[in-house]
Protein backbone atom coordinates (compact mmCIF):
# COMPACT_ATOMS: atom_id res chain seq x y z
CA MET A 1 199.75 70.19 89.84
CA ASN A 2 196.51 69.35 91.62
CA LYS A 3 194.73 72.63 92.36
CA SER A 4 193.24 71.37 95.64
CA ILE A 5 195.19 71.62 98.89
CA ALA A 6 194.37 70.50 102.43
CA ILE A 7 195.67 72.48 105.39
CA MET A 8 195.59 70.99 108.86
CA GLY A 9 195.63 74.03 111.11
CA CYS A 10 194.16 77.28 109.79
CA GLY A 11 195.46 79.47 112.58
CA TRP A 12 197.96 82.34 112.69
CA LEU A 13 199.98 80.93 109.78
CA GLY A 14 197.52 78.59 108.11
CA PHE A 15 194.73 81.12 107.61
CA PRO A 16 196.71 83.75 105.64
CA LEU A 17 198.40 80.91 103.75
CA ALA A 18 194.98 79.61 102.73
CA GLN A 19 193.91 83.10 101.64
CA SER A 20 197.04 83.41 99.51
CA LEU A 21 196.44 80.06 97.82
CA ILE A 22 192.79 80.88 97.13
CA LYS A 23 193.84 84.09 95.39
CA GLN A 24 196.01 81.95 93.10
CA GLY A 25 193.10 79.76 92.12
CA PHE A 26 193.58 76.85 94.52
CA LYS A 27 190.67 75.19 96.25
CA VAL A 28 191.62 75.00 99.92
CA TYR A 29 190.23 72.57 102.47
CA GLY A 30 191.15 73.70 105.97
CA THR A 31 190.73 72.56 109.54
CA THR A 32 189.99 74.30 112.80
CA THR A 33 189.37 72.99 116.31
CA SER A 34 186.80 75.69 117.07
CA THR A 35 183.18 75.61 115.92
CA ASN A 36 183.13 79.41 116.16
CA LYS A 37 185.79 79.63 113.47
CA LEU A 38 183.97 77.48 110.91
CA PRO A 39 181.98 80.42 109.46
CA VAL A 40 185.15 82.55 109.45
CA LEU A 41 186.93 80.00 107.28
CA GLU A 42 183.93 79.61 105.02
CA LYS A 43 183.61 83.37 104.55
CA ALA A 44 187.26 83.48 103.48
CA GLY A 45 186.59 80.88 100.79
CA ILE A 46 188.07 77.93 102.69
CA VAL A 47 186.09 74.68 102.75
CA PRO A 48 186.00 74.21 106.55
CA PHE A 49 186.36 71.01 108.55
CA LEU A 50 186.16 70.63 112.32
CA VAL A 51 189.08 68.32 113.12
CA SER A 52 190.84 67.78 116.43
CA VAL A 53 193.94 65.63 116.94
CA SER A 54 194.52 64.19 120.41
CA GLU A 55 196.90 61.49 121.60
CA GLU A 56 194.16 58.87 121.43
CA ARG A 57 192.28 59.68 118.22
CA ILE A 58 191.46 62.15 115.48
CA GLU A 59 187.96 63.55 115.87
CA GLY A 60 186.14 64.99 112.87
CA GLN A 61 186.01 64.49 109.12
CA ILE A 62 189.66 63.63 108.55
CA VAL A 63 188.83 61.09 105.81
CA GLU A 64 186.79 63.67 103.88
CA LEU A 65 189.48 66.33 104.36
CA LEU A 66 192.28 64.16 103.01
CA GLY A 67 190.11 62.70 100.27
CA ASN A 68 189.86 66.00 98.44
CA SER A 69 193.50 66.66 97.64
CA GLU A 70 196.89 65.15 96.79
CA SER A 71 198.78 67.83 98.73
CA LEU A 72 198.66 68.38 102.49
CA ILE A 73 200.13 71.05 104.74
CA ILE A 74 200.53 69.90 108.34
CA ASN A 75 200.56 73.00 110.51
CA ILE A 76 199.69 71.68 113.96
CA PRO A 77 201.68 73.36 116.76
CA PRO A 78 203.24 70.99 119.33
CA LYS A 79 201.92 73.00 122.32
CA LEU A 80 204.53 71.53 124.65
CA ARG A 81 204.93 74.53 126.93
CA GLY A 82 203.07 75.17 130.16
CA SER A 83 201.05 72.69 132.17
CA ASN A 84 199.00 71.17 129.32
CA ARG A 85 201.81 69.26 127.68
CA GLY A 86 200.96 66.38 125.41
CA ASN A 87 202.58 63.73 123.29
CA TYR A 88 203.08 65.44 119.95
CA VAL A 89 204.72 62.36 118.45
CA GLN A 90 201.65 60.25 119.17
CA LYS A 91 199.43 62.87 117.57
CA MET A 92 201.57 62.88 114.43
CA ALA A 93 201.53 59.08 114.39
CA LEU A 94 197.75 59.24 114.10
CA VAL A 95 198.00 61.83 111.31
CA ARG A 96 200.49 59.55 109.57
CA GLN A 97 198.02 56.66 109.70
CA ALA A 98 195.30 58.86 108.22
CA VAL A 99 197.60 59.95 105.40
CA ILE A 100 198.52 56.35 104.57
CA ALA A 101 194.82 55.56 104.14
CA SER A 102 194.30 58.58 101.84
CA LYS A 103 195.36 59.69 98.37
CA ILE A 104 197.77 62.34 99.67
CA ARG A 105 201.02 62.28 97.69
CA ASN A 106 202.82 65.43 98.86
CA ILE A 107 203.20 66.94 102.33
CA VAL A 108 204.61 70.19 103.65
CA PHE A 109 205.39 69.61 107.32
CA ILE A 110 205.74 72.80 109.35
CA SER A 111 208.56 72.16 111.79
CA SER A 112 210.77 74.30 114.00
CA THR A 113 214.41 75.22 114.53
CA SER A 114 213.97 73.87 118.07
CA VAL A 115 215.27 70.59 116.62
CA TYR A 116 218.74 72.15 116.89
CA GLY A 117 220.41 72.60 120.26
CA ASP A 118 221.64 76.02 121.42
CA GLY A 119 225.20 74.71 121.63
CA GLN A 120 225.35 73.57 117.99
CA GLY A 121 226.60 76.91 116.64
CA LYS A 122 225.96 77.58 112.97
CA VAL A 123 223.67 74.90 111.55
CA THR A 124 222.70 74.01 108.01
CA GLU A 125 220.28 71.30 106.92
CA VAL A 126 223.12 68.75 106.71
CA VAL A 127 224.04 69.18 110.38
CA PRO A 128 222.43 66.40 112.45
CA PRO A 129 220.00 68.04 114.91
CA GLU A 130 220.80 67.64 118.60
CA PRO A 131 217.72 69.00 120.40
CA THR A 132 218.02 69.69 124.12
CA SER A 133 214.44 70.72 124.87
CA GLU A 134 211.51 68.34 125.16
CA SER A 135 209.75 70.28 122.41
CA GLY A 136 212.71 69.94 120.07
CA LYS A 137 213.03 66.22 120.72
CA GLN A 138 209.37 65.57 120.00
CA VAL A 139 209.33 67.76 116.89
CA LEU A 140 212.37 65.93 115.50
CA SER A 141 210.70 62.55 116.13
CA ALA A 142 207.56 63.86 114.41
CA GLU A 143 209.63 64.94 111.40
CA LYS A 144 210.96 61.40 111.04
CA LEU A 145 207.47 59.91 111.27
CA ILE A 146 205.98 62.15 108.60
CA SER A 147 209.03 61.88 106.34
CA ASN A 148 208.71 58.12 106.11
CA ILE A 149 205.25 57.59 104.67
CA PRO A 150 205.14 55.15 101.74
CA ASN A 151 204.50 56.75 98.33
CA VAL A 152 204.47 60.26 99.82
CA GLU A 153 207.09 62.98 99.27
CA THR A 154 207.46 65.22 102.30
CA THR A 155 209.18 68.58 102.55
CA ILE A 156 210.08 69.79 106.03
CA ILE A 157 210.30 73.51 106.75
CA ARG A 158 212.09 74.40 109.98
CA PHE A 159 210.87 77.89 110.74
CA GLY A 160 212.62 80.13 113.23
CA GLY A 161 210.72 82.39 115.60
CA LEU A 162 207.56 83.59 113.85
CA ILE A 163 206.84 87.31 113.86
CA GLY A 164 204.21 89.48 112.21
CA LYS A 165 202.18 92.64 112.53
CA ASP A 166 200.34 91.35 115.60
CA ARG A 167 203.03 89.02 116.94
CA HIS A 168 206.49 89.91 118.22
CA PRO A 169 208.60 88.76 121.21
CA ILE A 170 209.21 92.37 122.27
CA THR A 171 205.61 92.46 123.52
CA MET A 172 206.51 90.01 126.30
CA LEU A 173 210.14 91.09 126.76
CA SER A 174 209.54 94.82 127.13
CA GLY A 175 210.71 96.13 130.48
CA LYS A 176 211.99 92.81 131.76
CA LYS A 177 215.30 92.72 133.63
CA ASP A 178 218.10 90.23 134.22
CA LEU A 179 217.33 88.26 131.08
CA ARG A 180 219.83 85.62 130.05
CA ASN A 181 221.42 84.82 126.69
CA GLY A 182 221.60 88.37 125.43
CA ASN A 183 224.69 87.34 123.44
CA HIS A 184 222.74 84.70 121.52
CA PRO A 185 221.78 85.53 117.92
CA VAL A 186 218.14 85.91 116.93
CA ASN A 187 216.64 83.49 114.41
CA LEU A 188 213.38 85.03 113.26
CA ILE A 189 211.17 85.03 110.18
CA HIS A 190 208.20 87.19 109.22
CA LEU A 191 204.80 85.69 108.48
CA ASP A 192 204.85 87.08 104.93
CA ASP A 193 208.04 85.17 104.13
CA CYS A 194 206.59 82.00 105.68
CA VAL A 195 203.61 82.19 103.32
CA ALA A 196 205.83 83.01 100.34
CA LEU A 197 208.10 80.04 101.04
CA ILE A 198 205.27 77.52 101.32
CA ASN A 199 203.85 78.90 98.08
CA SER A 200 207.24 78.35 96.42
CA VAL A 201 207.41 74.74 97.63
CA LEU A 202 203.97 74.03 96.18
CA LYS A 203 204.42 75.84 92.87
CA LYS A 204 208.01 74.75 92.17
CA HIS A 205 207.59 71.18 93.40
CA TRP A 206 210.36 71.33 95.99
CA TRP A 207 209.45 67.91 97.35
CA GLY A 208 211.57 65.62 99.49
CA GLU A 209 213.53 68.55 100.92
CA VAL A 210 214.47 69.95 104.32
CA PHE A 211 214.71 73.73 104.62
CA ASN A 212 215.93 76.00 107.38
CA ALA A 213 213.76 79.11 107.09
CA VAL A 214 215.14 82.09 109.00
CA TYR A 215 215.79 85.69 107.95
CA PRO A 216 219.51 85.80 107.04
CA ILE A 217 220.56 88.52 109.49
CA HIS A 218 221.32 87.52 113.08
CA PRO A 219 222.02 90.35 115.54
CA THR A 220 222.35 89.44 119.20
CA LYS A 221 219.15 89.34 121.22
CA GLU A 222 220.30 92.27 123.34
CA LYS A 223 221.04 94.56 120.39
CA TYR A 224 218.01 93.48 118.40
CA TYR A 225 215.37 93.82 121.10
CA GLN A 226 216.77 97.12 122.33
CA GLN A 227 216.57 98.42 118.75
CA ILE A 228 213.02 97.14 118.27
CA ALA A 229 211.93 98.57 121.63
CA LEU A 230 213.29 101.99 120.66
CA LYS A 231 211.54 101.83 117.30
CA ARG A 232 208.21 100.88 118.89
CA GLY A 233 208.48 103.30 121.79
CA VAL A 234 208.41 100.67 124.55
CA MET A 235 210.73 99.88 127.46
CA PRO A 236 213.72 97.81 126.29
CA PRO A 237 214.59 94.56 128.06
CA GLU A 238 217.80 94.32 130.07
CA TYR A 239 220.16 91.37 129.78
CA VAL A 240 222.88 89.96 132.03
CA GLN A 241 225.88 88.54 130.22
CA ASN A 242 226.27 85.20 131.92
CA SER A 243 225.86 82.69 129.12
CA LYS A 244 228.82 80.43 128.43
CA PHE A 245 227.36 79.49 125.04
CA SER A 246 227.19 81.75 122.01
CA GLY A 247 223.87 80.28 120.84
CA LYS A 248 222.94 78.90 117.44
CA ILE A 249 222.71 80.54 114.04
CA ILE A 250 220.21 78.93 111.69
CA ASP A 251 221.71 79.05 108.21
CA SER A 252 219.15 79.50 105.40
CA SER A 253 221.72 79.66 102.59
CA LYS A 254 220.27 76.55 100.91
CA LEU A 255 217.07 78.45 100.21
CA ILE A 256 218.92 81.58 99.13
CA SER A 257 221.82 80.15 97.11
CA VAL A 258 220.40 76.89 95.78
CA LYS A 259 216.67 77.61 95.44
CA LYS A 260 217.09 81.36 94.79
CA PHE A 261 214.39 82.18 97.35
CA ARG A 262 214.41 85.78 98.53
CA PHE A 263 213.38 86.89 101.99
CA LYS A 264 211.46 90.11 101.37
CA THR A 265 210.17 91.22 104.77
CA SER A 266 212.76 92.53 107.20
CA ILE A 267 212.67 91.47 110.85
CA PHE A 268 213.51 95.10 111.70
CA ASP A 269 210.22 96.55 110.35
């Protein structure tokens, strides 16, 4: 395969992914929206590009970025929470146009399990998504846009909640009271497994696929976060059992049984 890869979004996930690919001999072209991070990327061996995607236009050297590789990883978070909400679909429409004008032939699109609604129960990749949140609706629309680019094979990875050494929900949940949905299962995945999975897609040519990517153990939120709080020596959150739904379980058995992918980093560490 082509040993050059472009990554749009060298942040919390994209940066360690780029480092992993460089170690394997790939030449990585990566984007950031911060001028301060350009030397950081360059020091890590990434060819840096300052690129910013808004609803109106793409600013920066997008043509040069996409002109250097046949494979592209789109890792641009929707950022649809809080007051600064935007139109993620419009942003991805602009990225789609840029890809059409380039020589990109393969895409890994980093998506989210938010495309599934909480009331859908156990969901595999063949279950039609029924998003209930605005974020989920926009992400699903973006998936469809990127999946239908002429002469390009796109693989969609629907990651669950992302956790890592410096990122875990217990940080915000510790000590909180009267939390809802304690009976809902957790759907989490560690950063290390995210990087390993994207590497597998690239190396094994798993193109034109949709993958649910969640660690295959799903304790309830109440049990899980109380256990993690105890392990980390912080105040556990307290839940009220008032949810009429049992939540959703993201089934990753396609990766495990069909592709023989192995999740190696426990969500309990």
